[in-house]
Amino acid sequence: MARNSNFGKNLRALREDRNMTQARLAAALDITTATVSHWENRGTSPNSKDAIEQLCSVFNVTENDLFGYSDGYYAKTRLAGFDGKIKPIAASGSLPIIGAAYAGEPCPAFELDCGSIPCPEEYCKKGNYFIQITGDSMNNVLTDGSYALIDTHVDAQSGDVALVKVNGDDATVKRIKKMDGFIVLEPDSTNPSHKRRIIDATDQSSPEVRILGKVVYAVVRL
């Protein structure tokens, strides 16, 4: 199932980066659009070597790009600086945990003193901090209960995972997309009930959106 889950994420990222619809990909492979949708959303994958080779040919990628985790296409293009692996770290300092942010619907962020976590030297900068993740709307990247390091010194770009404040007090962690005056808050989850939220930044009646920082590192406490 993990291999299939990786495949779905990698396939969607490949398709989106090539501005290809599910219908167009299905036509190229001579399969149904429903099959492509199931691959991306239901944890299934091609059941023949020929189909896998055909996919590699369509996207000009390797089988690892399709099925890999840290070496898959999704990780290589979406998680620069964060490969999702739990690793020993050479900590030269620590950063505070200032509260929790929901990987779900935006909710109040509790800015409290909740201890600290060691972190690599490159991220130990004044103003950076950890947030505990609550919820499953980003569980392809950040699991419920993990701690995300927020780097406030870099500008989160379209496609990055970021901590976002909505309406001043509500905080959420989402993959952000910026396009033509709109900000899209995109879930990255195995739970299909989570939907993207599109906010028109040019509309004064829309909720205010403030990007607080980019997620650059994560820790899971065992």
C-alpha atoms as a PDB file:
ATOM      1  CA  MET A   1       0.000   0.000   0.000  1.00  0.00           C
ATOM      2  CA  ALA A   2       2.875   2.433   0.760  1.00  0.00           C
ATOM      3  CA  ARG A   3       4.268   1.886  -2.753  1.00  0.00           C
ATOM      4  CA  ASN A   4       0.828   2.583  -4.208  1.00  0.00           C
ATOM      5  CA  SER A   5       0.397   5.691  -2.034  1.00  0.00           C
ATOM      6  CA  ASN A   6       3.749   7.006  -3.239  1.00  0.00           C
ATOM      7  CA  PHE A   7       2.709   6.302  -6.821  1.00  0.00           C
ATOM      8  CA  GLY A   8      -0.469   8.367  -6.493  1.00  0.00           C
ATOM      9  CA  LYS A   9       1.380  11.397  -5.145  1.00  0.00           C
ATOM     10  CA  ASN A  10       4.136  11.139  -7.731  1.00  0.00           C
ATOM     11  CA  LEU A  11       1.706  10.697 -10.607  1.00  0.00           C
ATOM     12  CA  ARG A  12      -0.407  13.692  -9.605  1.00  0.00           C
ATOM     13  CA  ALA A  13       2.702  15.898  -9.258  1.00  0.00           C
ATOM     14  CA  LEU A  14       3.991  14.793 -12.671  1.00  0.00           C
ATOM     15  CA  ARG A  15       0.645  15.376 -14.339  1.00  0.00           C
ATOM     16  CA  GLU A  16       0.104  18.796 -12.755  1.00  0.00           C
ATOM     17  CA  ASP A  17       3.631  19.987 -13.578  1.00  0.00           C
ATOM     18  CA  ARG A  18       2.960  19.166 -17.230  1.00  0.00           C
ATOM     19  CA  ASN A  19      -0.459  20.863 -17.182  1.00  0.00           C
ATOM     20  CA  MET A  20      -2.041  17.567 -18.157  1.00  0.00           C
ATOM     21  CA  THR A  21      -5.611  16.687 -17.216  1.00  0.00           C
ATOM     22  CA  GLN A  22      -6.593  13.227 -16.057  1.00  0.00           C
ATOM     23  CA  ALA A  23      -8.609  12.846 -19.259  1.00  0.00           C
ATOM     24  CA  ARG A  24      -5.615  13.713 -21.423  1.00  0.00           C
ATOM     25  CA  LEU A  25      -3.374  11.256 -19.587  1.00  0.00           C
ATOM     26  CA  ALA A  26      -6.041   8.569 -19.848  1.00  0.00           C
ATOM     27  CA  ALA A  27      -6.245   9.125 -23.611  1.00  0.00           C
ATOM     28  CA  ALA A  28      -2.459   8.863 -23.958  1.00  0.00           C
ATOM     29  CA  LEU A  29      -2.511   5.529 -22.107  1.00  0.00           C
ATOM     30  CA  ASP A  30      -5.752   4.248 -23.710  1.00  0.00           C
ATOM     31  CA  ILE A  31      -7.415   3.790 -20.316  1.00  0.00           C
ATOM     32  CA  THR A  32     -10.375   5.413 -18.556  1.00  0.00           C
ATOM     33  CA  THR A  33     -10.228   8.691 -16.671  1.00  0.00           C
ATOM     34  CA  ALA A  34     -11.636   6.803 -13.665  1.00  0.00           C
ATOM     35  CA  THR A  35      -8.537   4.584 -13.641  1.00  0.00           C
ATOM     36  CA  VAL A  36      -6.249   7.615 -13.473  1.00  0.00           C
ATOM     37  CA  SER A  37      -8.387   9.072 -10.675  1.00  0.00           C
ATOM     38  CA  HIS A  38      -8.188   5.816  -8.723  1.00  0.00           C
ATOM     39  CA  TRP A  39      -4.407   5.735  -9.114  1.00  0.00           C
ATOM     40  CA  GLU A  40      -4.110   9.241  -7.686  1.00  0.00           C
ATOM     41  CA  ASN A  41      -6.745   9.082  -4.953  1.00  0.00           C
ATOM     42  CA  ARG A  42      -7.432   5.484  -3.958  1.00  0.00           C
ATOM     43  CA  GLY A  43      -4.009   3.957  -3.520  1.00  0.00           C
ATOM     44  CA  THR A  44      -4.063   1.752  -6.619  1.00  0.00           C
ATOM     45  CA  SER A  45      -1.398   1.454  -9.301  1.00  0.00           C
ATOM     46  CA  PRO A  46      -0.825  -0.162 -12.719  1.00  0.00           C
ATOM     47  CA  ASN A  47      -0.820  -3.951 -12.559  1.00  0.00           C
ATOM     48  CA  SER A  48       1.408  -4.592 -15.557  1.00  0.00           C
ATOM     49  CA  LYS A  49       5.013  -3.839 -16.408  1.00  0.00           C
ATOM     50  CA  ASP A  50       3.950  -2.580 -19.841  1.00  0.00           C
ATOM     51  CA  ALA A  51       1.667   0.061 -18.280  1.00  0.00           C
ATOM     52  CA  ILE A  52       4.449   1.254 -15.976  1.00  0.00           C
ATOM     53  CA  GLU A  53       6.883   1.487 -18.880  1.00  0.00           C
ATOM     54  CA  GLN A  54       4.290   3.421 -20.872  1.00  0.00           C
ATOM     55  CA  LEU A  55       3.894   5.914 -18.013  1.00  0.00           C
ATOM     56  CA  CYS A  56       7.663   6.342 -17.776  1.00  0.00           C
ATOM     57  CA  SER A  57       7.720   7.043 -21.503  1.00  0.00           C
ATOM     58  CA  VAL A  58       4.854   9.580 -21.377  1.00  0.00           C
ATOM     59  CA  PHE A  59       6.545  11.604 -18.624  1.00  0.00           C
ATOM     60  CA  ASN A  60      10.169  10.756 -19.523  1.00  0.00           C
ATOM     61  CA  VAL A  61      10.906   9.600 -15.974  1.00  0.00           C
ATOM     62  CA  THR A  62      12.225   6.510 -14.211  1.00  0.00           C
ATOM     63  CA  GLU A  63      10.255   3.900 -12.287  1.00  0.00           C
ATOM     64  CA  ASN A  64      11.762   5.340  -9.085  1.00  0.00           C
ATOM     65  CA  ASP A  65      10.276   8.719  -9.984  1.00  0.00           C
ATOM     66  CA  LEU A  66       6.867   7.023 -10.101  1.00  0.00           C
ATOM     67  CA  PHE A  67       7.087   4.750  -7.058  1.00  0.00           C
ATOM     68  CA  GLY A  68       9.821   6.200  -4.848  1.00  0.00           C
ATOM     69  CA  TYR A  69       9.301   7.972  -1.523  1.00  0.00           C
ATOM     70  CA  SER A  70      12.276  10.221  -0.745  1.00  0.00           C
ATOM     71  CA  ASP A  71      13.606   9.630  -4.283  1.00  0.00           C
ATOM     72  CA  GLY A  72      10.200   9.909  -5.971  1.00  0.00           C
ATOM     73  CA  TYR A  73       9.193  12.796  -8.207  1.00  0.00           C
ATOM     74  CA  TYR A  74       6.900  14.301  -5.548  1.00  0.00           C
ATOM     75  CA  ALA A  75       9.649  14.511  -2.913  1.00  0.00           C
ATOM     76  CA  LYS A  76      12.251  15.797  -5.345  1.00  0.00           C
ATOM     77  CA  THR A  77      10.043  18.619  -6.620  1.00  0.00           C
ATOM     78  CA  ARG A  78       7.830  19.480  -3.650  1.00  0.00           C
ATOM     79  CA  LEU A  79       9.928  18.819  -0.544  1.00  0.00           C
ATOM     80  CA  ALA A  80      13.226  20.550  -1.209  1.00  0.00           C
ATOM     81  CA  GLY A  81      15.084  20.572   2.088  1.00  0.00           C
ATOM     82  CA  PHE A  82      12.650  18.132   3.667  1.00  0.00           C
ATOM     83  CA  ASP A  83      12.530  14.517   2.481  1.00  0.00           C
ATOM     84  CA  GLY A  84      10.083  13.193   5.070  1.00  0.00           C
ATOM     85  CA  LYS A  85      12.633  10.908   6.706  1.00  0.00           C
ATOM     86  CA  ILE A  86      13.261  10.782  10.442  1.00  0.00           C
ATOM     87  CA  LYS A  87      17.008  11.221  10.838  1.00  0.00           C
ATOM     88  CA  PRO A  88      19.504  11.786  13.642  1.00  0.00           C
ATOM     89  CA  ILE A  89      20.508  15.430  13.583  1.00  0.00           C
ATOM     90  CA  ALA A  90      23.639  17.235  14.604  1.00  0.00           C
ATOM     91  CA  ALA A  91      21.933  19.861  16.700  1.00  0.00           C
ATOM     92  CA  SER A  92      23.768  23.037  17.510  1.00  0.00           C
ATOM     93  CA  GLY A  93      20.863  24.656  19.282  1.00  0.00           C
ATOM     94  CA  SER A  94      17.129  24.516  19.690  1.00  0.00           C
ATOM     95  CA  LEU A  95      14.035  26.457  18.737  1.00  0.00           C
ATOM     96  CA  PRO A  96      10.870  27.060  20.764  1.00  0.00           C
ATOM     97  CA  ILE A  97       7.550  25.305  20.228  1.00  0.00           C
ATOM     98  CA  ILE A  98       5.098  28.184  20.230  1.00  0.00           C
ATOM     99  CA  GLY A  99       1.856  26.242  19.933  1.00  0.00           C
ATOM    100  CA  ALA A 100      -0.250  24.237  17.506  1.00  0.00           C
ATOM    101  CA  ALA A 101      -1.551  24.766  14.004  1.00  0.00           C
ATOM    102  CA  TYR A 102      -4.207  22.648  12.407  1.00  0.00           C
ATOM    103  CA  ALA A 103      -3.548  20.682   9.250  1.00  0.00           C
ATOM    104  CA  GLY A 104      -7.265  20.892   8.614  1.00  0.00           C
ATOM    105  CA  GLU A 105      -9.651  23.817   8.702  1.00  0.00           C
ATOM    106  CA  PRO A 106      -8.083  27.050   9.969  1.00  0.00           C
ATOM    107  CA  CYS A 107      -8.377  27.377  13.752  1.00  0.00           C
ATOM    108  CA  PRO A 108      -6.942  29.690  16.375  1.00  0.00           C
ATOM    109  CA  ALA A 109      -3.181  29.350  16.794  1.00  0.00           C
ATOM    110  CA  PHE A 110      -2.175  29.184  20.437  1.00  0.00           C
ATOM    111  CA  GLU A 111       1.040  31.144  20.795  1.00  0.00           C
ATOM    112  CA  LEU A 112       2.364  29.669  24.005  1.00  0.00           C
ATOM    113  CA  ASP A 113       5.666  28.589  25.475  1.00  0.00           C
ATOM    114  CA  CYS A 114       5.569  24.818  24.959  1.00  0.00           C
ATOM    115  CA  GLY A 115       9.240  23.931  25.356  1.00  0.00           C
ATOM    116  CA  SER A 116      11.845  23.570  22.641  1.00  0.00           C
ATOM    117  CA  ILE A 117      13.257  21.070  20.149  1.00  0.00           C
ATOM    118  CA  PRO A 118      16.866  20.659  18.952  1.00  0.00           C
ATOM    119  CA  CYS A 119      17.397  21.525  15.317  1.00  0.00           C
ATOM    120  CA  PRO A 120      20.171  21.696  12.707  1.00  0.00           C
ATOM    121  CA  GLU A 121      22.456  24.710  12.748  1.00  0.00           C
ATOM    122  CA  GLU A 122      21.215  26.058   9.401  1.00  0.00           C
ATOM    123  CA  TYR A 123      17.732  26.642  10.859  1.00  0.00           C
ATOM    124  CA  CYS A 124      18.721  27.976  14.289  1.00  0.00           C
ATOM    125  CA  LYS A 125      17.873  31.591  13.557  1.00  0.00           C
ATOM    126  CA  LYS A 126      16.114  34.177  15.648  1.00  0.00           C
ATOM    127  CA  GLY A 127      12.442  34.263  14.747  1.00  0.00           C
ATOM    128  CA  ASN A 128      12.205  30.636  13.636  1.00  0.00           C
ATOM    129  CA  TYR A 129      10.084  28.202  15.662  1.00  0.00           C
ATOM    130  CA  PHE A 130       8.287  24.882  15.760  1.00  0.00           C
ATOM    131  CA  ILE A 131       4.541  24.348  15.484  1.00  0.00           C
ATOM    132  CA  GLN A 132       2.842  21.102  16.428  1.00  0.00           C
ATOM    133  CA  ILE A 133       0.690  19.688  13.637  1.00  0.00           C
ATOM    134  CA  THR A 134      -2.849  18.669  14.513  1.00  0.00           C
ATOM    135  CA  GLY A 135      -5.100  16.940  11.997  1.00  0.00           C
ATOM    136  CA  ASP A 136      -4.637  14.889   8.844  1.00  0.00           C
ATOM    137  CA  SER A 137      -5.079  17.279   5.925  1.00  0.00           C
ATOM    138  CA  MET A 138      -1.292  17.274   5.295  1.00  0.00           C
ATOM    139  CA  ASN A 139      -0.534  13.702   6.319  1.00  0.00           C
ATOM    140  CA  ASN A 140       1.283  12.887   3.079  1.00  0.00           C
ATOM    141  CA  VAL A 141       3.930  15.334   4.303  1.00  0.00           C
ATOM    142  CA  LEU A 142       3.336  16.087   8.002  1.00  0.00           C
ATOM    143  CA  THR A 143       1.740  13.530  10.303  1.00  0.00           C
ATOM    144  CA  ASP A 144      -0.671  14.375  13.099  1.00  0.00           C
ATOM    145  CA  GLY A 145       1.365  15.195  16.212  1.00  0.00           C
ATOM    146  CA  SER A 146       4.609  15.968  14.395  1.00  0.00           C
ATOM    147  CA  TYR A 147       6.451  19.262  14.776  1.00  0.00           C
ATOM    148  CA  ALA A 148       7.041  21.513  11.768  1.00  0.00           C
ATOM    149  CA  LEU A 149       9.892  24.022  11.765  1.00  0.00           C
ATOM    150  CA  ILE A 150       8.757  27.369  10.390  1.00  0.00           C
ATOM    151  CA  ASP A 151      11.473  29.408   8.696  1.00  0.00           C
ATOM    152  CA  THR A 152      10.378  33.041   8.774  1.00  0.00           C
ATOM    153  CA  HIS A 153      13.451  34.234   6.859  1.00  0.00           C
ATOM    154  CA  VAL A 154      12.510  32.790   3.462  1.00  0.00           C
ATOM    155  CA  ASP A 155       9.581  33.681   1.245  1.00  0.00           C
ATOM    156  CA  ALA A 156       7.299  30.705   0.697  1.00  0.00           C
ATOM    157  CA  GLN A 157       6.834  30.216  -3.019  1.00  0.00           C
ATOM    158  CA  SER A 158       3.952  28.688  -4.930  1.00  0.00           C
ATOM    159  CA  GLY A 159       4.056  24.944  -4.252  1.00  0.00           C
ATOM    160  CA  ASP A 160       5.717  25.243  -0.832  1.00  0.00           C
ATOM    161  CA  VAL A 161       4.219  24.032   2.449  1.00  0.00           C
ATOM    162  CA  ALA A 162       3.676  27.040   4.689  1.00  0.00           C
ATOM    163  CA  LEU A 163       2.110  28.256   7.910  1.00  0.00           C
ATOM    164  CA  VAL A 164      -0.678  30.646   6.996  1.00  0.00           C
ATOM    165  CA  LYS A 165      -2.842  32.931   9.093  1.00  0.00           C
ATOM    166  CA  VAL A 166      -6.380  33.510   7.862  1.00  0.00           C
ATOM    167  CA  ASN A 167      -8.531  36.304   9.346  1.00  0.00           C
ATOM    168  CA  GLY A 168      -5.749  37.401  11.666  1.00  0.00           C
ATOM    169  CA  ASP A 169      -6.176  34.738  14.337  1.00  0.00           C
ATOM    170  CA  ASP A 170      -6.756  31.493  12.451  1.00  0.00           C
ATOM    171  CA  ALA A 171      -3.687  29.442  11.519  1.00  0.00           C
ATOM    172  CA  THR A 172      -3.320  26.478   9.212  1.00  0.00           C
ATOM    173  CA  VAL A 173      -0.528  24.557   7.505  1.00  0.00           C
ATOM    174  CA  LYS A 174      -1.130  23.994   3.799  1.00  0.00           C
ATOM    175  CA  ARG A 175       0.614  23.807   0.477  1.00  0.00           C
ATOM    176  CA  ILE A 176       0.157  27.248  -1.050  1.00  0.00           C
ATOM    177  CA  LYS A 177      -0.322  28.234  -4.656  1.00  0.00           C
ATOM    178  CA  LYS A 178      -0.269  31.817  -5.885  1.00  0.00           C
ATOM    179  CA  MET A 179      -1.886  32.673  -9.199  1.00  0.00           C
ATOM    180  CA  ASP A 180      -3.324  35.863 -10.689  1.00  0.00           C
ATOM    181  CA  GLY A 181      -4.355  37.501  -7.415  1.00  0.00           C
ATOM    182  CA  PHE A 182      -5.640  34.283  -5.879  1.00  0.00           C
ATOM    183  CA  ILE A 183      -4.119  32.268  -3.035  1.00  0.00           C
ATOM    184  CA  VAL A 184      -4.952  28.559  -2.949  1.00  0.00           C
ATOM    185  CA  LEU A 185      -4.596  26.610   0.305  1.00  0.00           C
ATOM    186  CA  GLU A 186      -4.124  23.038  -0.865  1.00  0.00           C
ATOM    187  CA  PRO A 187      -4.359  19.948   1.382  1.00  0.00           C
ATOM    188  CA  ASP A 188      -1.920  17.078   0.799  1.00  0.00           C
ATOM    189  CA  SER A 189      -3.722  14.171   2.377  1.00  0.00           C
ATOM    190  CA  THR A 190      -4.860  10.586   2.033  1.00  0.00           C
ATOM    191  CA  ASN A 191      -8.229  11.795   3.347  1.00  0.00           C
ATOM    192  CA  PRO A 192     -10.328  12.891   0.341  1.00  0.00           C
ATOM    193  CA  SER A 193     -12.706  14.923   2.529  1.00  0.00           C
ATOM    194  CA  HIS A 194     -10.176  17.772   2.673  1.00  0.00           C
ATOM    195  CA  LYS A 195     -10.716  20.291  -0.095  1.00  0.00           C
ATOM    196  CA  ARG A 196      -8.652  23.177  -1.398  1.00  0.00           C
ATOM    197  CA  ARG A 197      -9.619  26.698  -0.379  1.00  0.00           C
ATOM    198  CA  ILE A 198      -9.339  29.500  -2.916  1.00  0.00           C
ATOM    199  CA  ILE A 199      -9.104  33.078  -1.637  1.00  0.00           C
ATOM    200  CA  ASP A 200      -9.320  36.141  -3.868  1.00  0.00           C
ATOM    201  CA  ALA A 201      -6.624  38.433  -2.484  1.00  0.00           C
ATOM    202  CA  THR A 202      -7.937  41.343  -4.576  1.00  0.00           C
ATOM    203  CA  ASP A 203     -11.409  41.197  -3.002  1.00  0.00           C
ATOM    204  CA  GLN A 204     -11.606  43.381   0.120  1.00  0.00           C
ATOM    205  CA  SER A 205     -14.422  41.210   1.466  1.00  0.00           C
ATOM    206  CA  SER A 206     -12.238  38.087   1.359  1.00  0.00           C
ATOM    207  CA  PRO A 207     -10.471  36.960   4.550  1.00  0.00           C
ATOM    208  CA  GLU A 208      -7.000  38.386   5.056  1.00  0.00           C
ATOM    209  CA  VAL A 209      -4.241  35.868   4.332  1.00  0.00           C
ATOM    210  CA  ARG A 210      -0.760  36.227   5.793  1.00  0.00           C
ATOM    211  CA  ILE A 211       2.006  33.724   5.067  1.00  0.00           C
ATOM    212  CA  LEU A 212       4.050  33.431   8.272  1.00  0.00           C
ATOM    213  CA  GLY A 213       6.824  31.180   7.018  1.00  0.00           C
ATOM    214  CA  LYS A 214       7.851  28.098   5.080  1.00  0.00           C
ATOM    215  CA  VAL A 215       7.959  24.585   6.536  1.00  0.00           C
ATOM    216  CA  VAL A 216      11.577  23.466   6.067  1.00  0.00           C
ATOM    217  CA  TYR A 217      12.024  20.613   8.536  1.00  0.00           C
ATOM    218  CA  ALA A 218       9.927  18.259  10.637  1.00  0.00           C
ATOM    219  CA  VAL A 219      10.386  16.176  13.765  1.00  0.00           C
ATOM    220  CA  VAL A 220       8.385  13.245  15.116  1.00  0.00           C
ATOM    221  CA  ARG A 221       8.777  12.552  18.822  1.00  0.00           C
ATOM    222  CA  LEU A 222       8.579   8.840  19.622  1.00  0.00           C
END
